């Protein structure tokens, strides 16, 4: 099989690797396409230190079930599917049910350096991590399930209800997914702040009100929402964005930090304590969140197509990473087509 391997920091190359065989309880997936996540990009540039030369990254994938190992039932060869990258050992499944992402023994496909992951043409995963997708769905939508699961979890962590006024700070791929998750939850009043004009245009097409982050302040947010935000979801995670979230929420409001733009932050403690605001963290997703995201994407909501800006062949995957690392004006998600499938669109 072919794979896009991190040859060294800042350089990817297409290599030939042995085809994996599914072991007992495993399913082999033939990867159709994999999205380039911000964490992959930061690993490629060396910013996060969580990817290593020789590694095959990738965790936002859609696939076709290719083979099943011994003892696997209920998984059909030929079925479109995606996979939950958070693999919890069987010994921890019961204790961490409903909070799988916190299991101490977990491995995350695409992060664990020893696992050849989604930027390979074939991947073996535990059958319990395979999530089937409906045949009629545009198959490239399956690569959106993982980032949408991140957003579904953040919306849940923030305790959002349908009547809330919600500020989303950052209109990149995670912020875009948060808008979809909010729409899924029935939220009608959504304001997004974003620097890039192309991303502002994309988010507007998703049905949110958009403000230029270069000039947005709490007063502008309040005007756009017709009142202070009940909830702010920060999809960037730097001091300026956390500050905007705190200053834009009402007394007793909630700020949810899902973006991880900086490992350490200074914040206005008084805005939290005297305003009785709640500051919560959100990290990946539970198995239930992932399944819920897949079910919603499986309905092929038309706005999901807006999140995919470009699909490139495997041969152009390295160039796509380099372009994104150079801060190219690409508003949505870039997918790398891993095989020769004709049903993945070329470019929007």
Protein backbone atom coordinates (compact mmCIF):
# COMPACT_ATOMS: atom_id res chain seq x y z
CA UNK A 1 0.00 0.00 0.00
CA UNK A 2 0.97 3.63 -0.39
CA UNK A 3 1.18 6.08 2.48
CA UNK A 4 2.02 9.72 3.05
CA UNK A 5 4.84 9.59 5.56
CA UNK A 6 6.50 12.37 7.57
CA UNK A 7 10.04 11.91 6.27
CA UNK A 8 11.32 14.77 8.43
CA UNK A 9 9.83 17.85 10.02
CA UNK A 10 8.52 19.96 7.17
CA UNK A 11 8.72 17.23 4.53
CA UNK A 12 6.28 14.46 3.57
CA UNK A 13 6.77 11.79 0.95
CA UNK A 14 4.72 8.99 -0.57
CA UNK A 15 6.16 5.60 0.40
CA UNK A 16 5.31 1.93 -0.08
CA UNK A 17 4.48 0.01 3.11
CA UNK A 18 3.32 -3.58 3.69
CA UNK A 19 -0.41 -4.19 3.61
CA UNK A 20 -1.68 -4.82 7.16
CA UNK A 21 -3.74 -7.92 8.01
CA UNK A 22 -6.64 -7.58 10.46
CA UNK A 23 -6.11 -9.50 13.69
CA UNK A 24 -8.86 -11.00 15.85
CA UNK A 25 -11.50 -8.41 16.58
CA UNK A 26 -10.12 -6.00 13.99
CA UNK A 27 -11.44 -4.51 10.76
CA UNK A 28 -9.29 -3.48 7.82
CA UNK A 29 -10.41 -0.24 6.20
CA UNK A 30 -9.51 0.90 2.71
CA UNK A 31 -9.15 4.64 3.19
CA UNK A 32 -11.00 6.78 0.65
CA UNK A 33 -9.91 10.19 1.90
CA UNK A 34 -8.40 11.81 4.99
CA UNK A 35 -8.68 15.42 6.09
CA UNK A 36 -5.67 17.51 7.07
CA UNK A 37 -6.26 18.47 10.71
CA UNK A 38 -4.65 21.48 12.35
CA UNK A 39 -2.86 19.10 14.73
CA UNK A 40 -1.40 17.22 11.73
CA UNK A 41 -0.24 20.52 10.30
CA UNK A 42 1.38 21.51 13.61
CA UNK A 43 3.06 18.12 13.73
CA UNK A 44 4.33 18.62 10.19
CA UNK A 45 5.85 21.98 11.13
CA UNK A 46 7.16 20.68 14.47
CA UNK A 47 5.06 23.15 16.48
CA UNK A 48 3.38 20.65 18.77
CA UNK A 49 6.06 17.99 19.20
CA UNK A 50 3.39 15.28 18.93
CA UNK A 51 4.33 13.92 15.51
CA UNK A 52 7.66 12.32 14.63
CA UNK A 53 9.72 11.59 11.51
CA UNK A 54 8.80 8.21 10.07
CA UNK A 55 5.21 8.54 11.26
CA UNK A 56 2.09 8.19 9.10
CA UNK A 57 -0.46 10.64 10.50
CA UNK A 58 -4.16 11.13 9.83
CA UNK A 59 -7.32 10.66 11.87
CA UNK A 60 -10.14 12.42 9.95
CA UNK A 61 -10.88 9.61 7.53
CA UNK A 62 -13.64 7.99 5.53
CA UNK A 63 -13.19 4.46 4.23
CA UNK A 64 -14.69 1.28 2.85
CA UNK A 65 -14.60 -1.88 4.96
CA UNK A 66 -12.06 -4.08 3.19
CA UNK A 67 -11.74 -7.19 5.42
CA UNK A 68 -12.62 -8.40 8.91
CA UNK A 69 -10.62 -10.43 11.41
CA UNK A 70 -11.69 -13.45 13.39
CA UNK A 71 -14.58 -12.93 15.77
CA UNK A 72 -15.95 -9.80 14.09
CA UNK A 73 -19.70 -9.71 13.54
CA UNK A 74 -22.02 -7.00 12.28
CA UNK A 75 -19.49 -5.35 9.97
CA UNK A 76 -20.08 -5.78 6.25
CA UNK A 77 -17.25 -5.81 3.71
CA UNK A 78 -17.94 -3.00 1.25
CA UNK A 79 -19.72 -0.85 3.84
CA UNK A 80 -18.77 2.85 3.90
CA UNK A 81 -17.42 3.69 7.33
CA UNK A 82 -15.28 5.93 9.43
CA UNK A 83 -13.36 5.17 12.60
CA UNK A 84 -13.23 6.71 16.05
CA UNK A 85 -9.50 7.41 16.55
CA UNK A 86 -9.68 7.10 20.36
CA UNK A 87 -8.83 3.46 21.08
CA UNK A 88 -9.46 2.45 24.70
CA UNK A 89 -8.04 -0.86 25.96
CA UNK A 90 -10.69 -3.43 26.80
CA UNK A 91 -9.61 -3.39 30.44
CA UNK A 92 -10.64 0.29 30.72
CA UNK A 93 -13.84 0.26 28.65
CA UNK A 94 -16.23 -0.22 31.55
CA UNK A 95 -14.59 2.29 33.91
CA UNK A 96 -14.35 5.00 31.25
CA UNK A 97 -17.66 4.49 29.45
CA UNK A 98 -18.96 7.91 28.50
CA UNK A 99 -15.56 9.54 29.03
CA UNK A 100 -13.40 7.40 26.77
CA UNK A 101 -11.12 10.30 25.82
CA UNK A 102 -9.88 10.45 29.43
CA UNK A 103 -8.86 6.77 29.68
CA UNK A 104 -5.19 6.71 30.75
CA UNK A 105 -4.35 3.74 28.53
CA UNK A 106 -5.92 5.10 25.37
CA UNK A 107 -4.13 5.38 22.06
CA UNK A 108 -5.18 7.95 19.48
CA UNK A 109 -4.86 6.84 15.88
CA UNK A 110 -2.94 9.52 14.02
CA UNK A 111 -1.13 10.66 17.17
CA UNK A 112 0.43 7.40 18.38
CA UNK A 113 3.64 7.19 16.36
CA UNK A 114 3.64 3.38 16.19
CA UNK A 115 0.27 3.22 14.40
CA UNK A 116 0.23 3.63 10.62
CA UNK A 117 -2.83 5.85 10.44
CA UNK A 118 -5.25 7.57 8.05
CA UNK A 119 -2.76 8.88 5.50
CA UNK A 120 -2.21 5.25 4.47
CA UNK A 121 -4.37 3.37 1.97
CA UNK A 122 -5.13 0.56 4.44
CA UNK A 123 -5.67 0.72 8.19
CA UNK A 124 -6.63 -1.90 10.77
CA UNK A 125 -8.67 -0.76 13.77
CA UNK A 126 -10.65 -2.51 16.51
CA UNK A 127 -14.14 -3.38 15.30
CA UNK A 128 -15.66 -1.41 18.19
CA UNK A 129 -14.09 1.76 16.76
CA UNK A 130 -15.67 1.34 13.33
CA UNK A 131 -18.75 3.47 12.70
CA UNK A 132 -20.80 2.53 9.64
CA UNK A 133 -22.08 5.22 7.30
CA UNK A 134 -25.06 5.07 4.94
CA UNK A 135 -24.41 4.17 1.29
CA UNK A 136 -26.35 7.12 -0.24
CA UNK A 137 -24.32 9.75 1.63
CA UNK A 138 -21.64 11.62 -0.38
CA UNK A 139 -18.71 9.58 0.83
CA UNK A 140 -16.35 12.52 1.34
CA UNK A 141 -18.68 13.76 4.10
CA UNK A 142 -17.42 10.88 6.24
CA UNK A 143 -14.10 12.68 6.67
CA UNK A 144 -15.99 15.44 8.50
CA UNK A 145 -17.29 13.18 11.27
CA UNK A 146 -14.22 13.48 13.50
CA UNK A 147 -14.01 17.30 13.57
CA UNK A 148 -17.79 17.49 13.97
CA UNK A 149 -17.52 15.12 16.96
CA UNK A 150 -15.06 17.58 18.54
CA UNK A 151 -17.67 20.29 18.07
CA UNK A 152 -20.57 18.17 19.35
CA UNK A 153 -18.59 17.48 22.51
CA UNK A 154 -17.76 21.18 22.99
CA UNK A 155 -21.40 22.19 22.60
CA UNK A 156 -22.33 19.58 25.18
CA UNK A 157 -19.59 20.64 27.58
CA UNK A 158 -20.79 24.24 27.32
CA UNK A 159 -24.33 23.20 28.23
CA UNK A 160 -25.81 25.00 25.23
CA UNK A 161 -29.60 25.07 24.86
CA UNK A 162 -31.60 26.00 21.77
CA UNK A 163 -32.55 29.45 23.05
CA UNK A 164 -29.02 30.56 23.89
CA UNK A 165 -27.10 33.39 22.32
CA UNK A 166 -23.75 31.86 21.34
CA UNK A 167 -20.45 33.45 20.35
CA UNK A 168 -17.96 31.27 18.46
CA UNK A 169 -14.46 32.71 18.52
CA UNK A 170 -12.61 31.58 15.39
CA UNK A 171 -14.06 30.54 12.04
CA UNK A 172 -11.51 27.92 11.01
CA UNK A 173 -12.43 24.25 10.49
CA UNK A 174 -13.21 23.65 14.18
CA UNK A 175 -15.19 26.88 14.48
CA UNK A 176 -17.06 25.93 11.30
CA UNK A 177 -17.84 22.52 12.80
CA UNK A 178 -19.02 24.20 16.00
CA UNK A 179 -21.49 26.25 13.95
CA UNK A 180 -22.87 23.04 12.44
CA UNK A 181 -23.08 21.43 15.88
CA UNK A 182 -24.95 24.47 17.20
CA UNK A 183 -27.34 24.36 14.26
CA UNK A 184 -27.85 20.65 14.97
CA UNK A 185 -28.72 21.59 18.58
CA UNK A 186 -31.34 24.06 17.37
CA UNK A 187 -29.44 27.26 18.20
CA UNK A 188 -30.61 30.18 16.09
CA UNK A 189 -28.50 33.09 17.37
CA UNK A 190 -24.85 32.48 16.50
CA UNK A 191 -22.09 35.05 16.00
CA UNK A 192 -18.63 34.05 14.78
CA UNK A 193 -15.51 36.22 14.89
CA UNK A 194 -12.87 35.47 12.27
CA UNK A 195 -9.89 37.30 10.75
CA UNK A 196 -9.85 35.78 7.24
CA UNK A 197 -12.40 37.16 4.78
CA UNK A 198 -12.72 33.84 2.95
CA UNK A 199 -13.58 32.05 6.19
CA UNK A 200 -16.06 34.76 7.12
CA UNK A 201 -17.81 34.18 3.79
CA UNK A 202 -17.88 30.43 4.39
CA UNK A 203 -19.31 30.80 7.89
CA UNK A 204 -21.99 33.17 6.61
CA UNK A 205 -23.06 30.44 4.20
CA UNK A 206 -23.50 28.17 7.24
CA UNK A 207 -26.10 30.59 8.58
CA UNK A 208 -24.16 32.45 11.27
CA UNK A 209 -23.62 36.19 11.70
CA UNK A 210 -19.94 37.00 11.23
CA UNK A 211 -17.74 39.76 12.62
CA UNK A 212 -14.22 40.67 11.54
CA UNK A 213 -12.03 39.56 14.45
CA UNK A 214 -9.66 42.46 13.80
CA UNK A 215 -12.30 44.92 14.98
CA UNK A 216 -14.73 42.77 16.98
CA UNK A 217 -15.23 43.69 20.62
CA UNK A 218 -17.81 42.80 23.29
CA UNK A 219 -20.04 45.71 22.26
CA UNK A 220 -20.13 44.57 18.64
CA UNK A 221 -20.87 41.01 19.73
CA UNK A 222 -23.76 42.26 21.91
CA UNK A 223 -25.22 44.24 19.01
CA UNK A 224 -25.00 41.26 16.67
CA UNK A 225 -26.54 38.87 19.23
CA UNK A 226 -29.05 41.44 20.54
CA UNK A 227 -27.59 40.96 24.00
CA UNK A 228 -24.57 39.49 25.74
CA UNK A 229 -23.72 35.90 24.87
CA UNK A 230 -24.98 33.15 27.13
CA UNK A 231 -22.14 30.95 25.91
CA UNK A 232 -18.86 31.58 24.15
CA UNK A 233 -17.00 28.71 22.49
CA UNK A 234 -13.35 29.53 21.85
CA UNK A 235 -12.06 27.57 18.86
CA UNK A 236 -8.69 29.39 18.89
CA UNK A 237 -7.38 29.24 22.44
CA UNK A 238 -5.05 32.20 22.89
CA UNK A 239 -5.17 34.98 25.47
CA UNK A 240 -6.95 37.49 23.24
CA UNK A 241 -9.71 35.05 22.27
CA UNK A 242 -10.31 33.83 25.82
CA UNK A 243 -10.52 37.45 26.93
CA UNK A 244 -13.09 38.24 24.23
CA UNK A 245 -15.13 35.22 25.31
CA UNK A 246 -15.13 36.26 28.96
CA UNK A 247 -15.94 39.89 28.21
CA UNK A 248 -18.72 39.02 25.77
CA UNK A 249 -20.66 36.62 27.99
CA UNK A 250 -23.33 37.68 30.45
CA UNK A 251 -22.99 37.40 34.21
CA UNK A 252 -23.22 33.71 35.01
CA UNK A 253 -22.40 32.75 31.43
CA UNK A 254 -20.09 30.01 30.18
CA UNK A 255 -16.89 30.05 28.16
CA UNK A 256 -15.82 26.74 26.64
CA UNK A 257 -12.19 26.37 25.57
CA UNK A 258 -11.83 23.87 22.72
CA UNK A 259 -9.06 25.57 20.73
CA UNK A 260 -5.51 24.90 21.87
CA UNK A 261 -3.60 27.77 20.31
CA UNK A 262 -1.37 28.27 23.34
CA UNK A 263 -0.32 25.80 26.06
CA UNK A 264 -0.51 28.48 28.79
CA UNK A 265 -2.81 31.48 29.18
CA UNK A 266 -3.10 34.49 31.45
CA UNK A 267 -6.73 35.37 32.09
CA UNK A 268 -8.83 37.89 33.98
CA UNK A 269 -9.66 35.91 37.10
CA UNK A 270 -12.07 38.61 38.28
CA UNK A 271 -14.13 38.19 35.11
CA UNK A 272 -14.57 34.55 36.13
CA UNK A 273 -15.11 34.96 39.86
CA UNK A 274 -17.00 38.24 40.26
CA UNK A 275 -19.08 37.55 37.15
CA UNK A 276 -19.67 33.96 38.26
CA UNK A 277 -18.78 32.80 34.79
CA UNK A 278 -17.93 29.18 34.16
CA UNK A 279 -14.77 28.35 32.23
CA UNK A 280 -14.76 24.76 30.94
CA UNK A 281 -12.36 22.74 28.84
CA UNK A 282 -13.33 20.42 26.01
CA UNK A 283 -11.05 17.70 24.66
CA UNK A 284 -11.88 15.48 21.70
CA UNK A 285 -15.14 13.52 22.29
CA UNK A 286 -16.83 10.54 23.82
CA UNK A 287 -17.82 7.48 21.82
CA UNK A 288 -21.42 8.71 22.03
CA UNK A 289 -20.46 12.12 20.63
CA UNK A 290 -18.66 10.45 17.74
CA UNK A 291 -21.62 8.22 16.92
CA UNK A 292 -24.00 11.19 17.10
CA UNK A 293 -21.81 13.20 14.73
CA UNK A 294 -21.71 10.28 12.27
CA UNK A 295 -25.49 9.91 12.40
CA UNK A 296 -26.00 13.58 11.60
CA UNK A 297 -23.44 13.63 8.79
CA UNK A 298 -25.06 10.45 7.48
CA UNK A 299 -28.19 12.50 6.76
CA UNK A 300 -26.07 14.45 4.24
CA UNK A 301 -26.93 17.95 5.47
CA UNK A 302 -26.26 20.24 2.49
CA UNK A 303 -24.23 22.71 4.58
CA UNK A 304 -21.64 19.99 5.24
CA UNK A 305 -20.40 20.41 1.67
CA UNK A 306 -19.32 23.96 2.53
CA UNK A 307 -16.69 22.63 4.94
CA UNK A 308 -14.72 20.86 2.18
CA UNK A 309 -12.75 23.37 0.13
CA UNK A 310 -10.46 21.04 -1.77
CA UNK A 311 -9.78 17.35 -2.39
CA UNK A 312 -6.33 16.47 -3.71
CA UNK A 313 -4.83 13.17 -4.88
CA UNK A 314 -2.27 11.37 -2.72
CA UNK A 315 0.52 12.50 -5.03
CA UNK A 316 -0.30 16.12 -4.16
CA UNK A 317 -0.71 15.54 -0.41
CA UNK A 318 2.76 16.82 0.48
CA UNK A 319 2.19 19.98 -1.55
CA UNK A 320 -1.14 20.53 0.20
CA UNK A 321 0.55 20.35 3.61
CA UNK A 322 3.22 22.81 2.47
CA UNK A 323 0.58 25.19 1.14
CA UNK A 324 -1.37 25.11 4.39
CA UNK A 325 1.81 25.56 6.43
CA UNK A 326 2.51 28.65 4.33
CA UNK A 327 -0.85 30.10 5.44
CA UNK A 328 -2.52 29.81 2.06
CA UNK A 329 -6.01 31.28 1.85
CA UNK A 330 -7.93 28.00 2.07
CA UNK A 331 -11.11 28.62 4.08
CA UNK A 332 -12.25 25.07 4.77
CA UNK A 333 -10.99 21.52 4.96
CA UNK A 334 -8.49 19.95 2.56
CA UNK A 335 -8.93 16.21 2.02
CA UNK A 336 -6.28 13.91 0.60
CA UNK A 337 -7.75 11.22 -1.66
CA UNK A 338 -5.89 8.04 -0.77
CA UNK A 339 -6.90 5.74 -3.62
CA UNK A 340 -8.28 5.83 -7.12
CA UNK A 341 -11.94 6.21 -6.17
CA UNK A 342 -13.90 8.29 -8.63
CA UNK A 343 -16.64 9.32 -6.21
CA UNK A 344 -14.63 11.84 -4.22
CA UNK A 345 -14.96 15.30 -5.71
CA UNK A 346 -11.89 17.09 -6.98
CA UNK A 347 -12.25 20.70 -5.91
CA UNK A 348 -15.00 23.11 -4.94
